[in-house]
Amino acid sequence: MAGWGQGELVSRLLHLHFRDCKTKVSGDALQLMAELLRIFVVEAAARGVCQAQAEDLDIVDVDQLEKVLPQLLLDF
């Protein structure tokens, strides 16, 4: 995946779940999805940091992300 542009990656991710391979996505829709994914990842990282701090840890691990994921998914 190295070398892929942000829009191309989001387009590929979206097309993985389309039933019809001829489905097209506009540039505006790709920008919107890319921004939504960026916000989701930043929020997951921030909540993971808060969880690690609450557990008195210096490093965010998968365990902290797993703990915040249910609420994060409900919020999105």
PDB file of N, CA and C in Angstrom:
ATOM      1  N   MET A   1       0.809  -1.199   0.000  1.00  0.00           N
ATOM      2  CA  MET A   1       0.000   0.000   0.000  1.00  0.00           C
ATOM      3  C   MET A   1       0.851   1.261   0.000  1.00  0.00           C
ATOM      4  N   ALA A   2       2.143   1.095   0.145  1.00  0.00           N
ATOM      5  CA  ALA A   2       3.007   2.267   0.138  1.00  0.00           C
ATOM      6  C   ALA A   2       2.871   2.984  -1.193  1.00  0.00           C
ATOM      7  N   GLY A   3       2.826   4.299  -1.124  1.00  0.00           N
ATOM      8  CA  GLY A   3       2.733   5.080  -2.337  1.00  0.00           C
ATOM      9  C   GLY A   3       1.306   5.418  -2.749  1.00  0.00           C
ATOM     10  N   TRP A   4       0.325   4.838  -2.096  1.00  0.00           N
ATOM     11  CA  TRP A   4      -1.065   5.153  -2.422  1.00  0.00           C
ATOM     12  C   TRP A   4      -1.424   6.503  -1.847  1.00  0.00           C
ATOM     13  N   GLY A   5      -2.179   7.268  -2.609  1.00  0.00           N
ATOM     14  CA  GLY A   5      -2.684   8.534  -2.106  1.00  0.00           C
ATOM     15  C   GLY A   5      -3.861   8.276  -1.176  1.00  0.00           C
ATOM     16  N   GLN A   6      -4.169   9.250  -0.369  1.00  0.00           N
ATOM     17  CA  GLN A   6      -5.259   9.124   0.600  1.00  0.00           C
ATOM     18  C   GLN A   6      -6.575   8.781  -0.099  1.00  0.00           C
ATOM     19  N   GLY A   7      -6.888   9.488  -1.181  1.00  0.00           N
ATOM     20  CA  GLY A   7      -8.141   9.240  -1.895  1.00  0.00           C
ATOM     21  C   GLY A   7      -8.191   7.856  -2.504  1.00  0.00           C
ATOM     22  N   GLU A   8      -7.055   7.406  -3.025  1.00  0.00           N
ATOM     23  CA  GLU A   8      -7.010   6.076  -3.641  1.00  0.00           C
ATOM     24  C   GLU A   8      -7.222   4.982  -2.603  1.00  0.00           C
ATOM     25  N   LEU A   9      -6.624   5.136  -1.432  1.00  0.00           N
ATOM     26  CA  LEU A   9      -6.792   4.153  -0.363  1.00  0.00           C
ATOM     27  C   LEU A   9      -8.249   4.097   0.096  1.00  0.00           C
ATOM     28  N   VAL A  10      -8.851   5.250   0.316  1.00  0.00           N
ATOM     29  CA  VAL A  10     -10.251   5.295   0.752  1.00  0.00           C
ATOM     30  C   VAL A  10     -11.146   4.697  -0.327  1.00  0.00           C
ATOM     31  N   SER A  11     -10.869   4.996  -1.569  1.00  0.00           N
ATOM     32  CA  SER A  11     -11.648   4.441  -2.676  1.00  0.00           C
ATOM     33  C   SER A  11     -11.563   2.921  -2.677  1.00  0.00           C
ATOM     34  N   ARG A  12     -10.353   2.384  -2.505  1.00  0.00           N
ATOM     35  CA  ARG A  12     -10.186   0.927  -2.471  1.00  0.00           C
ATOM     36  C   ARG A  12     -10.927   0.306  -1.307  1.00  0.00           C
ATOM     37  N   LEU A  13     -10.864   0.944  -0.140  1.00  0.00           N
ATOM     38  CA  LEU A  13     -11.572   0.427   1.033  1.00  0.00           C
ATOM     39  C   LEU A  13     -13.090   0.414   0.795  1.00  0.00           C
ATOM     40  N   LEU A  14     -13.602   1.475   0.213  1.00  0.00           N
ATOM     41  CA  LEU A  14     -15.034   1.534  -0.073  1.00  0.00           C
ATOM     42  C   LEU A  14     -15.435   0.467  -1.089  1.00  0.00           C
ATOM     43  N   HIS A  15     -14.660   0.334  -2.144  1.00  0.00           N
ATOM     44  CA  HIS A  15     -15.004  -0.617  -3.199  1.00  0.00           C
ATOM     45  C   HIS A  15     -14.938  -2.070  -2.735  1.00  0.00           C
ATOM     46  N   LEU A  16     -14.203  -2.349  -1.678  1.00  0.00           N
ATOM     47  CA  LEU A  16     -14.159  -3.705  -1.139  1.00  0.00           C
ATOM     48  C   LEU A  16     -15.532  -4.173  -0.664  1.00  0.00           C
ATOM     49  N   HIS A  17     -16.406  -3.213  -0.322  1.00  0.00           N
ATOM     50  CA  HIS A  17     -17.701  -3.566   0.258  1.00  0.00           C
ATOM     51  C   HIS A  17     -18.878  -3.292  -0.669  1.00  0.00           C
ATOM     52  N   PHE A  18     -18.635  -2.844  -1.871  1.00  0.00           N
ATOM     53  CA  PHE A  18     -19.719  -2.609  -2.824  1.00  0.00           C
ATOM     54  C   PHE A  18     -20.141  -3.928  -3.454  1.00  0.00           C
ATOM     55  N   ARG A  19     -21.430  -4.111  -3.624  1.00  0.00           N
ATOM     56  CA  ARG A  19     -21.938  -5.325  -4.278  1.00  0.00           C
ATOM     57  C   ARG A  19     -21.693  -5.272  -5.783  1.00  0.00           C
ATOM     58  N   ASP A  20     -21.826  -4.091  -6.362  1.00  0.00           N
ATOM     59  CA  ASP A  20     -21.642  -3.910  -7.804  1.00  0.00           C
ATOM     60  C   ASP A  20     -20.282  -3.264  -8.042  1.00  0.00           C
ATOM     61  N   CYS A  21     -19.399  -3.964  -8.750  1.00  0.00           N
ATOM     62  CA  CYS A  21     -18.040  -3.452  -8.962  1.00  0.00           C
ATOM     63  C   CYS A  21     -18.020  -2.208  -9.849  1.00  0.00           C
ATOM     64  N   LYS A  22     -19.143  -1.881 -10.475  1.00  0.00           N
ATOM     65  CA  LYS A  22     -19.221  -0.699 -11.335  1.00  0.00           C
ATOM     66  C   LYS A  22     -19.632   0.559 -10.566  1.00  0.00           C
ATOM     67  N   THR A  23     -19.887   0.424  -9.272  1.00  0.00           N
ATOM     68  CA  THR A  23     -20.297   1.563  -8.459  1.00  0.00           C
ATOM     69  C   THR A  23     -19.187   2.606  -8.445  1.00  0.00           C
ATOM     70  N   LYS A  24     -19.566   3.842  -8.627  1.00  0.00           N
ATOM     71  CA  LYS A  24     -18.605   4.952  -8.646  1.00  0.00           C
ATOM     72  C   LYS A  24     -18.787   5.804  -7.389  1.00  0.00           C
ATOM     73  N   VAL A  25     -17.709   6.453  -6.973  1.00  0.00           N
ATOM     74  CA  VAL A  25     -17.735   7.345  -5.817  1.00  0.00           C
ATOM     75  C   VAL A  25     -17.180   8.689  -6.271  1.00  0.00           C
ATOM     76  N   SER A  26     -17.910   9.756  -5.988  1.00  0.00           N
ATOM     77  CA  SER A  26     -17.453  11.087  -6.402  1.00  0.00           C
ATOM     78  C   SER A  26     -16.243  11.524  -5.573  1.00  0.00           C
ATOM     79  N   GLY A  27     -15.539  12.490  -6.093  1.00  0.00           N
ATOM     80  CA  GLY A  27     -14.385  13.040  -5.379  1.00  0.00           C
ATOM     81  C   GLY A  27     -14.774  13.653  -4.048  1.00  0.00           C
ATOM     82  N   ASP A  28     -15.939  14.330  -4.022  1.00  0.00           N
ATOM     83  CA  ASP A  28     -16.410  14.923  -2.768  1.00  0.00           C
ATOM     84  C   ASP A  28     -16.706  13.845  -1.731  1.00  0.00           C
ATOM     85  N   ALA A  29     -17.307  12.738  -2.165  1.00  0.00           N
ATOM     86  CA  ALA A  29     -17.607  11.636  -1.241  1.00  0.00           C
ATOM     87  C   ALA A  29     -16.318  11.028  -0.698  1.00  0.00           C
ATOM     88  N   LEU A  30     -15.314  10.905  -1.555  1.00  0.00           N
ATOM     89  CA  LEU A  30     -14.020  10.375  -1.098  1.00  0.00           C
ATOM     90  C   LEU A  30     -13.376  11.304  -0.076  1.00  0.00           C
ATOM     91  N   GLN A  31     -13.442  12.605  -0.328  1.00  0.00           N
ATOM     92  CA  GLN A  31     -12.882  13.572   0.628  1.00  0.00           C
ATOM     93  C   GLN A  31     -13.612  13.486   1.962  1.00  0.00           C
ATOM     94  N   LEU A  32     -14.920  13.372   1.908  1.00  0.00           N
ATOM     95  CA  LEU A  32     -15.718  13.272   3.131  1.00  0.00           C
ATOM     96  C   LEU A  32     -15.366  12.013   3.918  1.00  0.00           C
ATOM     97  N   MET A  33     -15.280  10.881   3.225  1.00  0.00           N
ATOM     98  CA  MET A  33     -14.934   9.626   3.896  1.00  0.00           C
ATOM     99  C   MET A  33     -13.517   9.674   4.468  1.00  0.00           C
ATOM    100  N   ALA A  34     -12.590  10.256   3.723  1.00  0.00           N
ATOM    101  CA  ALA A  34     -11.216  10.370   4.215  1.00  0.00           C
ATOM    102  C   ALA A  34     -11.170  11.210   5.492  1.00  0.00           C
ATOM    103  N   GLU A  35     -11.918  12.302   5.517  1.00  0.00           N
ATOM    104  CA  GLU A  35     -11.953  13.158   6.712  1.00  0.00           C
ATOM    105  C   GLU A  35     -12.608  12.434   7.884  1.00  0.00           C
ATOM    106  N   LEU A  36     -13.674  11.705   7.625  1.00  0.00           N
ATOM    107  CA  LEU A  36     -14.337  10.939   8.679  1.00  0.00           C
ATOM    108  C   LEU A  36     -13.394   9.887   9.255  1.00  0.00           C
ATOM    109  N   LEU A  37     -12.683   9.183   8.397  1.00  0.00           N
ATOM    110  CA  LEU A  37     -11.722   8.179   8.867  1.00  0.00           C
ATOM    111  C   LEU A  37     -10.589   8.824   9.659  1.00  0.00           C
ATOM    112  N   ARG A  38     -10.120   9.996   9.197  1.00  0.00           N
ATOM    113  CA  ARG A  38      -9.048  10.703   9.923  1.00  0.00           C
ATOM    114  C   ARG A  38      -9.509  11.077  11.325  1.00  0.00           C
ATOM    115  N   ILE A  39     -10.723  11.626  11.424  1.00  0.00           N
ATOM    116  CA  ILE A  39     -11.272  12.026  12.725  1.00  0.00           C
ATOM    117  C   ILE A  39     -11.452  10.809  13.622  1.00  0.00           C
ATOM    118  N   PHE A  40     -11.930   9.709  13.049  1.00  0.00           N
ATOM    119  CA  PHE A  40     -12.134   8.483  13.816  1.00  0.00           C
ATOM    120  C   PHE A  40     -10.814   7.987  14.410  1.00  0.00           C
ATOM    121  N   VAL A  41      -9.765   7.970  13.605  1.00  0.00           N
ATOM    122  CA  VAL A  41      -8.458   7.483  14.072  1.00  0.00           C
ATOM    123  C   VAL A  41      -7.877   8.414  15.136  1.00  0.00           C
ATOM    124  N   VAL A  42      -7.981   9.715  14.926  1.00  0.00           N
ATOM    125  CA  VAL A  42      -7.472  10.673  15.913  1.00  0.00           C
ATOM    126  C   VAL A  42      -8.232  10.524  17.227  1.00  0.00           C
ATOM    127  N   GLU A  43      -9.543  10.375  17.145  1.00  0.00           N
ATOM    128  CA  GLU A  43     -10.353  10.209  18.362  1.00  0.00           C
ATOM    129  C   GLU A  43     -10.011   8.900  19.068  1.00  0.00           C
ATOM    130  N   ALA A  44      -9.800   7.835  18.314  1.00  0.00           N
ATOM    131  CA  ALA A  44      -9.416   6.547  18.920  1.00  0.00           C
ATOM    132  C   ALA A  44      -8.081   6.681  19.642  1.00  0.00           C
ATOM    133  N   ALA A  45      -7.143   7.375  19.019  1.00  0.00           N
ATOM    134  CA  ALA A  45      -5.833   7.570  19.652  1.00  0.00           C
ATOM    135  C   ALA A  45      -5.964   8.398  20.931  1.00  0.00           C
ATOM    136  N   ALA A  46      -6.747   9.471  20.883  1.00  0.00           N
ATOM    137  CA  ALA A  46      -6.921  10.336  22.056  1.00  0.00           C
ATOM    138  C   ALA A  46      -7.588   9.572  23.199  1.00  0.00           C
ATOM    139  N   ARG A  47      -8.608   8.798  22.883  1.00  0.00           N
ATOM    140  CA  ARG A  47      -9.281   8.018  23.932  1.00  0.00           C
ATOM    141  C   ARG A  47      -8.374   6.924  24.465  1.00  0.00           C
ATOM    142  N   GLY A  48      -7.544   6.360  23.604  1.00  0.00           N
ATOM    143  CA  GLY A  48      -6.579   5.360  24.065  1.00  0.00           C
ATOM    144  C   GLY A  48      -5.580   5.958  25.038  1.00  0.00           C
ATOM    145  N   VAL A  49      -5.147   7.174  24.759  1.00  0.00           N
ATOM    146  CA  VAL A  49      -4.229   7.875  25.675  1.00  0.00           C
ATOM    147  C   VAL A  49      -4.909   8.116  27.020  1.00  0.00           C
ATOM    148  N   CYS A  50      -6.144   8.585  27.002  1.00  0.00           N
ATOM    149  CA  CYS A  50      -6.871   8.822  28.257  1.00  0.00           C
ATOM    150  C   CYS A  50      -7.024   7.535  29.054  1.00  0.00           C
ATOM    151  N   GLN A  51      -7.316   6.444  28.358  1.00  0.00           N
ATOM    152  CA  GLN A  51      -7.466   5.153  29.039  1.00  0.00           C
ATOM    153  C   GLN A  51      -6.142   4.705  29.638  1.00  0.00           C
ATOM    154  N   ALA A  52      -5.056   4.872  28.910  1.00  0.00           N
ATOM    155  CA  ALA A  52      -3.739   4.496  29.428  1.00  0.00           C
ATOM    156  C   ALA A  52      -3.376   5.341  30.649  1.00  0.00           C
ATOM    157  N   GLN A  53      -3.692   6.628  30.588  1.00  0.00           N
ATOM    158  CA  GLN A  53      -3.421   7.493  31.738  1.00  0.00           C
ATOM    159  C   GLN A  53      -4.243   7.071  32.945  1.00  0.00           C
ATOM    160  N   ALA A  54      -5.497   6.694  32.712  1.00  0.00           N
ATOM    161  CA  ALA A  54      -6.356   6.240  33.816  1.00  0.00           C
ATOM    162  C   ALA A  54      -5.811   4.959  34.447  1.00  0.00           C
ATOM    163  N   GLU A  55      -5.116   4.166  33.650  1.00  0.00           N
ATOM    164  CA  GLU A  55      -4.513   2.929  34.148  1.00  0.00           C
ATOM    165  C   GLU A  55      -3.074   3.139  34.616  1.00  0.00           C
ATOM    166  N   ASP A  56      -2.639   4.405  34.627  1.00  0.00           N
ATOM    167  CA  ASP A  56      -1.293   4.773  35.061  1.00  0.00           C
ATOM    168  C   ASP A  56      -0.213   4.110  34.206  1.00  0.00           C
ATOM    169  N   LEU A  57      -0.442   4.097  32.888  1.00  0.00           N
ATOM    170  CA  LEU A  57       0.506   3.520  31.947  1.00  0.00           C
ATOM    171  C   LEU A  57       1.143   4.620  31.107  1.00  0.00           C
ATOM    172  N   ASP A  58       2.351   4.356  30.634  1.00  0.00           N
ATOM    173  CA  ASP A  58       3.068   5.323  29.795  1.00  0.00           C
ATOM    174  C   ASP A  58       2.855   5.083  28.309  1.00  0.00           C
ATOM    175  N   ILE A  59       2.355   3.902  27.950  1.00  0.00           N
ATOM    176  CA  ILE A  59       2.216   3.514  26.553  1.00  0.00           C
ATOM    177  C   ILE A  59       0.794   3.048  26.286  1.00  0.00           C
ATOM    178  N   VAL A  60       0.248   3.471  25.144  1.00  0.00           N
ATOM    179  CA  VAL A  60      -1.056   2.984  24.706  1.00  0.00           C
ATOM    180  C   VAL A  60      -0.830   1.673  23.976  1.00  0.00           C
ATOM    181  N   ASP A  61      -1.544   0.654  24.416  1.00  0.00           N
ATOM    182  CA  ASP A  61      -1.432  -0.676  23.828  1.00  0.00           C
ATOM    183  C   ASP A  61      -2.781  -1.058  23.237  1.00  0.00           C
ATOM    184  N   VAL A  62      -2.821  -2.167  22.566  1.00  0.00           N
ATOM    185  CA  VAL A  62      -4.077  -2.659  21.993  1.00  0.00           C
ATOM    186  C   VAL A  62      -5.137  -2.806  23.084  1.00  0.00           C
ATOM    187  N   ASP A  63      -4.721  -3.158  24.284  1.00  0.00           N
ATOM    188  CA  ASP A  63      -5.673  -3.341  25.386  1.00  0.00           C
ATOM    189  C   ASP A  63      -6.470  -2.070  25.665  1.00  0.00           C
ATOM    190  N   GLN A  64      -5.812  -0.927  25.650  1.00  0.00           N
ATOM    191  CA  GLN A  64      -6.507   0.332  25.909  1.00  0.00           C
ATOM    192  C   GLN A  64      -7.458   0.666  24.755  1.00  0.00           C
ATOM    193  N   LEU A  65      -7.023   0.421  23.533  1.00  0.00           N
ATOM    194  CA  LEU A  65      -7.897   0.683  22.386  1.00  0.00           C
ATOM    195  C   LEU A  65      -9.123  -0.229  22.407  1.00  0.00           C
ATOM    196  N   GLU A  66      -8.929  -1.480  22.812  1.00  0.00           N
ATOM    197  CA  GLU A  66     -10.073  -2.401  22.911  1.00  0.00           C
ATOM    198  C   GLU A  66     -11.073  -1.935  23.968  1.00  0.00           C
ATOM    199  N   LYS A  67     -10.582  -1.311  25.010  1.00  0.00           N
ATOM    200  CA  LYS A  67     -11.470  -0.838  26.070  1.00  0.00           C
ATOM    201  C   LYS A  67     -12.295   0.370  25.636  1.00  0.00           C
ATOM    202  N   VAL A  68     -11.748   1.229  24.783  1.00  0.00           N
ATOM    203  CA  VAL A  68     -12.475   2.435  24.361  1.00  0.00           C
ATOM    204  C   VAL A  68     -13.269   2.209  23.076  1.00  0.00           C
ATOM    205  N   LEU A  69     -12.993   1.132  22.364  1.00  0.00           N
ATOM    206  CA  LEU A  69     -13.631   0.903  21.069  1.00  0.00           C
ATOM    207  C   LEU A  69     -15.156   0.813  21.113  1.00  0.00           C
ATOM    208  N   PRO A  70     -15.762   0.092  22.066  1.00  0.00           N
ATOM    209  CA  PRO A  70     -17.234   0.008  22.060  1.00  0.00           C
ATOM    210  C   PRO A  70     -17.910   1.386  22.122  1.00  0.00           C
ATOM    211  N   GLN A  71     -17.473   2.240  23.024  1.00  0.00           N
ATOM    212  CA  GLN A  71     -18.077   3.563  23.133  1.00  0.00           C
ATOM    213  C   GLN A  71     -17.760   4.413  21.902  1.00  0.00           C
ATOM    214  N   LEU A  72     -16.551   4.284  21.383  1.00  0.00           N
ATOM    215  CA  LEU A  72     -16.162   5.028  20.177  1.00  0.00           C
ATOM    216  C   LEU A  72     -17.066   4.657  19.007  1.00  0.00           C
ATOM    217  N   LEU A  73     -17.327   3.383  18.828  1.00  0.00           N
ATOM    218  CA  LEU A  73     -18.209   2.949  17.737  1.00  0.00           C
ATOM    219  C   LEU A  73     -19.627   3.452  17.938  1.00  0.00           C
ATOM    220  N   LEU A  74     -20.088   3.485  19.166  1.00  0.00           N
ATOM    221  CA  LEU A  74     -21.432   4.033  19.440  1.00  0.00           C
ATOM    222  C   LEU A  74     -21.497   5.532  19.150  1.00  0.00           C
ATOM    223  N   ASP A  75     -20.409   6.237  19.410  1.00  0.00           N
ATOM    224  CA  ASP A  75     -20.369   7.674  19.175  1.00  0.00           C
ATOM    225  C   ASP A  75     -20.311   8.025  17.689  1.00  0.00           C
ATOM    226  N   PHE A  76     -19.767   7.117  16.891  1.00  0.00           N
ATOM    227  CA  PHE A  76     -19.675   7.369  15.467  1.00  0.00           C
ATOM    228  C   PHE A  76     -20.826   6.695  14.755  1.00  0.00           C
TER     229      PHE A  76
END
